[in-house]
Amino acid sequence: MNKKLPYVYGNPEEIEVGDVITSPTFEFAYQKNGHLYIEYKRNKKITEKIIQRQFSERTRLEIAAKTGNPNPPKSEPLDIGSYDPTRAQAQFIVMSAQLESETTDSYGPYDGYTTIFSATITAKRLNKDGTYNTEGEEIIFEVAGKRQVSIRPENITKIGTMKKVFVVNNDDTDENKKLPQRYTFTQDIRLHDVIMSPAFIFAYKENGSLQIEWDYGKEIKEKIIHQKLSLKERLEIAAKTGNACPPEYKPINIGSHDPTRAQAHFVVESLEYLPIKEVSYGRDDSNIDDSPIIVTARRLFKNDIYNPKGEVIMFKVACWTIHPYDITKVAKMQNTYIKVDKDEKE
């Protein structure tokens, strides 16, 4: 949605993940099932939401024993509200937007059935300077265009857009102080780990993916497969060479030998755990129940900046392929969001 900012929404459908928004309706929220829900009423200021918390039988017995009252209360009032005037000026990033539609069974102004759109929005509060805050307060609210609900789209203003990126976590934690560190078991490998390995030098293309192939003490530079020739190709070869029995197959190198890949840093983007079976690592002649895994990792820029178009590799980690000890964890990455200069969706 390319609109001049700040932009006041006209429909719930316009609200998208990554939008940076603000609204005076965000002042009051209440706790429910561990989440913070916005509640807004036009022309009425809400500062509290009182519910009755029911006492358990044990609690009522304790009250009776303490007070001498044989008829202790069954409940007590509890304020689950969260009134925060600063929330009305704060910036939030839309983390999810679930759009719903409903067709009414009554005729609308144009002599036809009316479709009503609404959206359930989850948004996270940003820092005062507009940067992403992983611990920022999360709010949930409903937006509808035609129904008389708490928040209408024109009550919300879009002031910017953010995009999701990965950044290296350089926090001074005990875990980071131990890096770089080689893995011991396959289950030590986690999503968003930044890794490197001499095993990554050679890969081959299979089903559109780049598969790592590793052989201890042997440098692999190519992987030859034999591709069947079409009749047209064989006729062309016969006409060119005078050979009435041209080959049915031709050799193709599907390998990708890249020595720089051994020093490059990759971020783990997915892990697929295979069925557990007892395997012997051989190096200490011990048997360890460890689950082999298939790892998908993306190559980072040289300065460890996330590269959304970086080379993607896949490899299996197990005793008979790439051993966990052959892979070194050098850092950890985490999700964050940064503002984009222009209001455009990637």
Protein backbone atom coordinates (compact mmCIF):
# COMPACT_ATOMS: atom_id res chain seq x y z
CA MET A 1 0.00 0.00 0.00
CA ASN A 2 1.77 3.14 -1.28
CA LYS A 3 0.15 6.04 0.56
CA LYS A 4 1.55 9.34 1.69
CA LEU A 5 2.34 9.20 5.39
CA PRO A 6 0.94 9.75 7.94
CA TYR A 7 -2.05 7.86 6.57
CA VAL A 8 -5.43 7.27 8.25
CA TYR A 9 -6.84 3.88 7.36
CA GLY A 10 -10.16 3.65 5.55
CA ASN A 11 -10.73 -0.10 5.72
CA PRO A 12 -9.55 -2.97 7.95
CA GLU A 13 -8.12 -4.70 4.84
CA GLU A 14 -5.49 -1.97 4.50
CA ILE A 15 -3.71 -2.85 7.76
CA GLU A 16 -0.69 -5.03 6.99
CA VAL A 17 2.06 -6.80 8.93
CA GLY A 18 5.00 -4.41 9.34
CA ASP A 19 2.88 -1.25 9.47
CA VAL A 20 3.90 1.18 12.21
CA ILE A 21 0.74 2.61 13.78
CA THR A 22 -0.50 4.88 16.53
CA SER A 23 -3.97 5.51 17.95
CA PRO A 24 -5.57 7.45 20.80
CA THR A 25 -7.79 4.39 21.35
CA PHE A 26 -4.89 2.41 22.82
CA GLU A 27 -5.05 4.10 26.25
CA PHE A 28 -6.94 1.34 27.99
CA ALA A 29 -6.47 -2.43 27.82
CA TYR A 30 -7.31 -5.40 30.00
CA GLN A 31 -5.70 -8.73 30.76
CA LYS A 32 -7.32 -11.93 29.45
CA ASN A 33 -5.72 -15.37 29.13
CA GLY A 34 -2.26 -13.83 29.37
CA HIS A 35 -2.90 -11.27 26.61
CA LEU A 36 -3.59 -7.53 26.64
CA TYR A 37 -6.80 -6.56 24.81
CA ILE A 38 -7.64 -2.98 23.90
CA GLU A 39 -11.06 -1.72 24.97
CA TYR A 40 -12.36 1.59 23.67
CA LYS A 41 -15.71 3.35 24.01
CA ARG A 42 -16.48 6.55 22.20
CA ASN A 43 -16.90 9.60 24.40
CA LYS A 44 -16.18 7.55 27.52
CA LYS A 45 -12.88 7.31 29.35
CA ILE A 46 -12.13 3.85 30.72
CA THR A 47 -9.57 3.51 33.50
CA GLU A 48 -10.49 0.16 35.05
CA LYS A 49 -12.22 -3.15 34.35
CA ILE A 50 -13.55 -4.91 37.44
CA ILE A 51 -14.35 -8.60 37.47
CA GLN A 52 -15.27 -10.94 40.29
CA ARG A 53 -12.54 -13.45 41.09
CA GLN A 54 -14.05 -16.63 42.50
CA PHE A 55 -12.58 -18.07 45.70
CA SER A 56 -11.72 -21.73 45.89
CA GLU A 57 -13.21 -23.89 48.65
CA ARG A 58 -9.88 -23.94 50.44
CA THR A 59 -9.59 -20.16 50.34
CA ARG A 60 -13.11 -19.75 51.77
CA LEU A 61 -12.24 -22.18 54.60
CA GLU A 62 -9.09 -20.19 55.38
CA ILE A 63 -11.09 -16.93 55.45
CA ALA A 64 -13.71 -18.50 57.74
CA ALA A 65 -11.03 -19.82 60.09
CA LYS A 66 -9.27 -16.45 60.17
CA THR A 67 -12.32 -14.19 60.56
CA GLY A 68 -14.74 -16.44 62.43
CA ASN A 69 -17.35 -15.76 59.75
CA PRO A 70 -19.19 -18.97 58.75
CA ASN A 71 -20.39 -17.31 55.54
CA PRO A 72 -17.22 -15.95 53.91
CA PRO A 73 -17.53 -14.23 50.50
CA LYS A 74 -17.49 -16.39 47.39
CA SER A 75 -15.52 -13.87 45.35
CA GLU A 76 -13.67 -10.58 45.45
CA PRO A 77 -13.45 -7.68 42.99
CA LEU A 78 -10.33 -7.64 40.82
CA ASP A 79 -9.18 -4.89 38.43
CA ILE A 80 -7.77 -6.50 35.29
CA GLY A 81 -7.44 -3.16 33.54
CA SER A 82 -4.24 -1.51 32.35
CA TYR A 83 -4.74 2.23 31.90
CA ASP A 84 -1.72 3.93 30.31
CA PRO A 85 -2.13 7.40 28.74
CA THR A 86 1.32 7.12 27.10
CA ARG A 87 0.03 4.19 25.07
CA ALA A 88 -2.12 6.65 23.09
CA GLN A 89 0.99 8.37 21.70
CA ALA A 90 3.21 5.29 21.47
CA GLN A 91 4.24 3.63 18.22
CA PHE A 92 3.34 -0.03 17.58
CA ILE A 93 4.35 -2.43 14.82
CA VAL A 94 1.69 -4.75 13.43
CA MET A 95 2.88 -8.34 14.06
CA SER A 96 -0.19 -10.11 12.67
CA ALA A 97 -3.41 -9.08 10.92
CA GLN A 98 -6.16 -11.67 10.61
CA LEU A 99 -8.88 -10.50 8.24
CA GLU A 100 -12.42 -11.88 8.50
CA SER A 101 -15.50 -11.25 6.38
CA GLU A 102 -19.17 -11.68 7.10
CA THR A 103 -22.14 -11.34 4.76
CA THR A 104 -25.26 -10.04 6.46
CA ASP A 105 -28.68 -11.51 5.79
CA SER A 106 -30.25 -8.06 5.51
CA TYR A 107 -30.21 -5.79 2.52
CA GLY A 108 -27.75 -2.93 2.43
CA PRO A 109 -28.05 0.59 1.00
CA TYR A 110 -27.52 -0.70 -2.55
CA ASP A 111 -30.30 -3.31 -2.47
CA GLY A 112 -27.93 -6.21 -2.03
CA TYR A 113 -26.35 -8.28 0.71
CA THR A 114 -23.67 -6.40 2.64
CA THR A 115 -20.22 -7.89 3.28
CA ILE A 116 -18.63 -6.68 6.48
CA PHE A 117 -14.86 -6.90 6.97
CA SER A 118 -13.09 -6.94 10.29
CA ALA A 119 -9.50 -7.58 11.35
CA THR A 120 -7.94 -8.86 14.54
CA ILE A 121 -4.61 -7.08 15.01
CA THR A 122 -1.68 -8.01 17.22
CA ALA A 123 0.86 -5.20 17.63
CA LYS A 124 4.06 -4.73 19.63
CA ARG A 125 5.12 -1.46 21.25
CA LEU A 126 8.30 0.12 19.91
CA ASN A 127 10.94 2.08 21.82
CA LYS A 128 10.44 5.84 22.11
CA ASP A 129 12.90 6.40 19.25
CA GLY A 130 10.88 4.07 17.02
CA THR A 131 13.30 1.13 17.15
CA TYR A 132 12.12 -2.44 17.66
CA ASN A 133 11.85 -3.72 21.22
CA THR A 134 11.82 -7.53 21.61
CA GLU A 135 10.29 -7.06 25.08
CA GLY A 136 7.79 -4.44 23.96
CA GLU A 137 4.21 -4.59 25.24
CA GLU A 138 1.89 -6.55 22.94
CA ILE A 139 -1.73 -5.53 22.41
CA ILE A 140 -4.63 -7.19 20.60
CA PHE A 141 -7.62 -5.32 19.18
CA GLU A 142 -10.40 -5.66 16.64
CA VAL A 143 -10.94 -3.22 13.80
CA ALA A 144 -14.16 -3.13 11.76
CA GLY A 145 -15.43 -0.81 9.07
CA LYS A 146 -19.20 -0.97 9.41
CA ARG A 147 -19.96 -2.66 12.70
CA GLN A 148 -20.24 -0.57 15.84
CA VAL A 149 -17.24 -2.03 17.62
CA SER A 150 -14.56 -0.56 19.80
CA ILE A 151 -12.13 0.67 17.13
CA ARG A 152 -12.82 1.92 13.63
CA PRO A 153 -10.08 2.09 10.98
CA GLU A 154 -10.16 5.89 10.91
CA ASN A 155 -9.06 5.88 14.57
CA ILE A 156 -5.71 4.37 13.55
CA THR A 157 -2.88 6.19 11.79
CA LYS A 158 -0.08 4.57 9.85
CA ILE A 159 3.17 6.49 10.28
CA GLY A 160 5.71 4.12 8.76
CA THR A 161 6.72 0.61 7.74
CA MET A 162 9.22 -1.85 9.17
CA LYS A 163 10.69 -5.03 7.71
CA LYS A 164 11.88 -8.17 9.42
CA VAL A 165 15.62 -8.84 9.47
CA PHE A 166 18.17 -10.96 11.34
CA VAL A 167 20.96 -9.42 13.41
CA VAL A 168 23.81 -11.00 15.34
CA ASN A 169 23.20 -11.13 19.08
CA ASN A 170 26.34 -9.70 20.67
CA ASP A 171 24.98 -9.47 24.20
CA ASP A 172 27.54 -10.10 26.93
CA THR A 173 26.03 -13.42 27.99
CA ASP A 174 27.75 -16.54 29.30
CA GLU A 175 26.74 -18.38 26.14
CA ASN A 176 28.32 -15.78 23.85
CA LYS A 177 31.52 -15.74 25.93
CA LYS A 178 32.03 -19.43 25.09
CA LEU A 179 31.95 -18.81 21.32
CA PRO A 180 33.28 -19.94 18.94
CA GLN A 181 32.51 -23.48 20.02
CA ARG A 182 32.21 -26.82 18.24
CA TYR A 183 29.02 -28.82 18.64
CA THR A 184 29.03 -32.13 20.50
CA PHE A 185 25.60 -33.54 19.65
CA THR A 186 23.12 -32.89 16.86
CA GLN A 187 20.53 -31.60 19.34
CA ASP A 188 22.95 -28.80 20.28
CA ILE A 189 22.26 -27.13 16.93
CA ARG A 190 19.51 -24.50 17.21
CA LEU A 191 17.58 -22.23 14.90
CA HIS A 192 19.36 -18.92 14.17
CA ASP A 193 22.79 -20.28 15.17
CA VAL A 194 25.56 -18.80 13.03
CA ILE A 195 27.81 -21.63 11.90
CA MET A 196 30.84 -22.44 9.75
CA SER A 197 32.46 -25.71 8.65
CA PRO A 198 35.21 -26.99 6.34
CA ALA A 199 32.61 -29.53 5.21
CA PHE A 200 30.78 -26.81 3.28
CA ILE A 201 33.37 -26.56 0.46
CA PHE A 202 31.54 -28.86 -1.93
CA ALA A 203 27.85 -29.06 -2.73
CA TYR A 204 25.70 -30.32 -5.56
CA LYS A 205 22.34 -29.35 -6.95
CA GLU A 206 19.43 -31.72 -6.38
CA ASN A 207 15.73 -30.95 -6.75
CA GLY A 208 16.46 -27.23 -6.82
CA SER A 209 18.49 -27.32 -3.59
CA LEU A 210 22.22 -27.15 -2.87
CA GLN A 211 23.18 -30.30 -0.95
CA ILE A 212 26.48 -30.47 0.94
CA GLU A 213 28.62 -33.57 0.32
CA TRP A 214 31.53 -34.29 2.65
CA ASP A 215 34.12 -37.06 2.62
CA TYR A 216 36.78 -37.07 5.37
CA GLY A 217 40.30 -36.59 3.98
CA LYS A 218 39.10 -36.34 0.39
CA GLU A 219 38.52 -33.15 -1.56
CA ILE A 220 35.51 -33.39 -3.84
CA LYS A 221 35.49 -31.02 -6.80
CA GLU A 222 32.77 -32.41 -9.02
CA LYS A 223 29.76 -34.67 -9.09
CA ILE A 224 28.97 -36.20 -12.47
CA ILE A 225 25.56 -37.50 -13.40
CA HIS A 226 24.44 -38.88 -16.75
CA GLN A 227 21.49 -37.14 -18.33
CA LYS A 228 19.45 -38.92 -20.97
CA LEU A 229 19.53 -37.22 -24.37
CA SER A 230 16.35 -36.53 -26.29
CA LEU A 231 15.85 -37.97 -29.76
CA LYS A 232 16.31 -34.50 -31.23
CA GLU A 233 19.69 -34.14 -29.50
CA ARG A 234 20.82 -37.59 -30.66
CA LEU A 235 19.78 -36.81 -34.26
CA GLU A 236 21.80 -33.60 -34.15
CA ILE A 237 24.85 -35.50 -32.87
CA ALA A 238 24.42 -38.18 -35.55
CA ALA A 239 24.16 -35.57 -38.30
CA LYS A 240 27.19 -33.70 -37.01
CA THR A 241 29.48 -36.69 -36.36
CA GLY A 242 28.27 -39.23 -38.90
CA ASN A 243 27.80 -41.69 -36.06
CA ALA A 244 24.57 -43.65 -36.49
CA CYS A 245 24.75 -44.80 -32.86
CA PRO A 246 25.20 -41.61 -30.83
CA PRO A 247 25.33 -41.90 -27.03
CA GLU A 248 22.05 -42.01 -25.13
CA TYR A 249 23.40 -40.06 -22.18
CA LYS A 250 25.70 -37.10 -21.61
CA PRO A 251 27.76 -36.37 -18.49
CA ILE A 252 26.82 -33.27 -16.48
CA ASN A 253 28.66 -31.81 -13.51
CA ILE A 254 26.08 -30.79 -10.92
CA GLY A 255 28.77 -29.98 -8.35
CA SER A 256 29.55 -26.59 -6.85
CA HIS A 257 33.12 -26.46 -5.49
CA ASP A 258 33.73 -23.24 -3.54
CA PRO A 259 36.69 -23.05 -1.11
CA THR A 260 35.39 -19.73 0.30
CA ARG A 261 32.35 -21.59 1.59
CA ALA A 262 34.56 -23.22 4.25
CA GLN A 263 35.24 -19.84 5.91
CA ALA A 264 31.82 -18.32 5.27
CA HIS A 265 29.23 -17.86 8.00
CA PHE A 266 25.74 -19.35 7.61
CA VAL A 267 22.63 -18.88 9.74
CA VAL A 268 20.49 -21.93 10.51
CA GLU A 269 17.00 -21.32 9.13
CA SER A 270 15.33 -24.71 9.57
CA LEU A 271 15.90 -28.05 11.31
CA GLU A 272 14.25 -31.34 10.40
CA TYR A 273 14.69 -34.08 12.99
CA LEU A 274 14.89 -37.59 11.58
CA PRO A 275 13.84 -40.74 13.50
CA ILE A 276 16.15 -41.44 16.44
CA LYS A 277 18.33 -44.52 16.23
CA GLU A 278 21.41 -45.70 18.02
CA VAL A 279 24.53 -44.58 16.18
CA SER A 280 28.23 -44.93 16.87
CA TYR A 281 30.35 -41.84 16.49
CA GLY A 282 33.49 -43.98 16.29
CA ARG A 283 35.83 -41.25 17.52
CA ASP A 284 35.51 -42.30 21.15
CA ASP A 285 34.07 -45.72 20.27
CA SER A 286 30.91 -44.97 22.21
CA ASN A 287 27.28 -45.40 21.30
CA ILE A 288 25.04 -42.38 21.75
CA ASP A 289 21.35 -42.13 21.12
CA ASP A 290 21.28 -39.01 18.97
CA SER A 291 18.79 -37.87 16.37
CA PRO A 292 20.17 -37.12 12.91
CA ILE A 293 18.94 -33.81 11.53
CA ILE A 294 18.71 -32.08 8.18
CA VAL A 295 19.87 -28.47 8.43
CA THR A 296 19.00 -25.66 6.05
CA ALA A 297 21.28 -22.62 6.37
CA ARG A 298 21.71 -19.34 4.51
CA ARG A 299 25.02 -17.63 3.76
CA LEU A 300 25.53 -14.25 5.40
CA PHE A 301 27.41 -11.23 4.10
CA LYS A 302 31.08 -11.07 5.13
CA ASN A 303 30.24 -8.67 7.96
CA ASP A 304 27.63 -11.12 9.32
CA ILE A 305 24.74 -9.02 8.03
CA TYR A 306 21.76 -11.13 7.00
CA ASN A 307 21.52 -11.60 3.24
CA PRO A 308 17.97 -12.49 2.14
CA LYS A 309 19.39 -13.62 -1.21
CA GLY A 310 22.33 -15.49 0.29
CA GLU A 311 23.24 -18.98 -0.91
CA VAL A 312 21.13 -21.66 0.79
CA ILE A 313 22.68 -25.03 1.64
CA MET A 314 21.21 -28.25 3.05
CA PHE A 315 23.09 -31.00 4.84
CA LYS A 316 22.54 -33.93 7.16
CA VAL A 317 24.28 -33.98 10.55
CA ALA A 318 25.00 -37.52 11.78
CA CYS A 319 27.97 -39.78 12.40
CA TRP A 320 28.10 -41.12 8.84
CA THR A 321 27.85 -37.74 7.07
CA ILE A 322 28.82 -34.48 8.76
CA HIS A 323 29.61 -34.95 12.44
CA PRO A 324 28.46 -32.21 14.88
CA TYR A 325 32.12 -31.75 15.86
CA ASP A 326 32.88 -30.65 12.28
CA ILE A 327 30.58 -27.63 12.71
CA THR A 328 31.50 -24.55 14.72
CA LYS A 329 28.98 -22.16 16.25
CA VAL A 330 30.37 -18.63 15.99
CA ALA A 331 27.37 -16.50 16.98
CA LYS A 332 23.62 -16.37 17.45
CA MET A 333 21.16 -14.30 15.42
CA GLN A 334 17.77 -12.98 16.45
CA ASN A 335 14.75 -11.53 14.68
CA THR A 336 14.28 -7.79 14.72
CA TYR A 337 12.58 -5.13 12.63
CA ILE A 338 14.01 -2.02 11.00
CA LYS A 339 12.26 0.92 9.39
CA VAL A 340 12.24 1.16 5.60
CA ASP A 341 12.81 4.46 3.86
CA LYS A 342 9.83 4.16 1.58
CA ASP A 343 6.36 2.87 2.25
CA GLU A 344 6.54 -0.15 0.02
CA LYS A 345 6.00 -3.80 0.66
CA GLU A 346 8.81 -6.13 -0.31
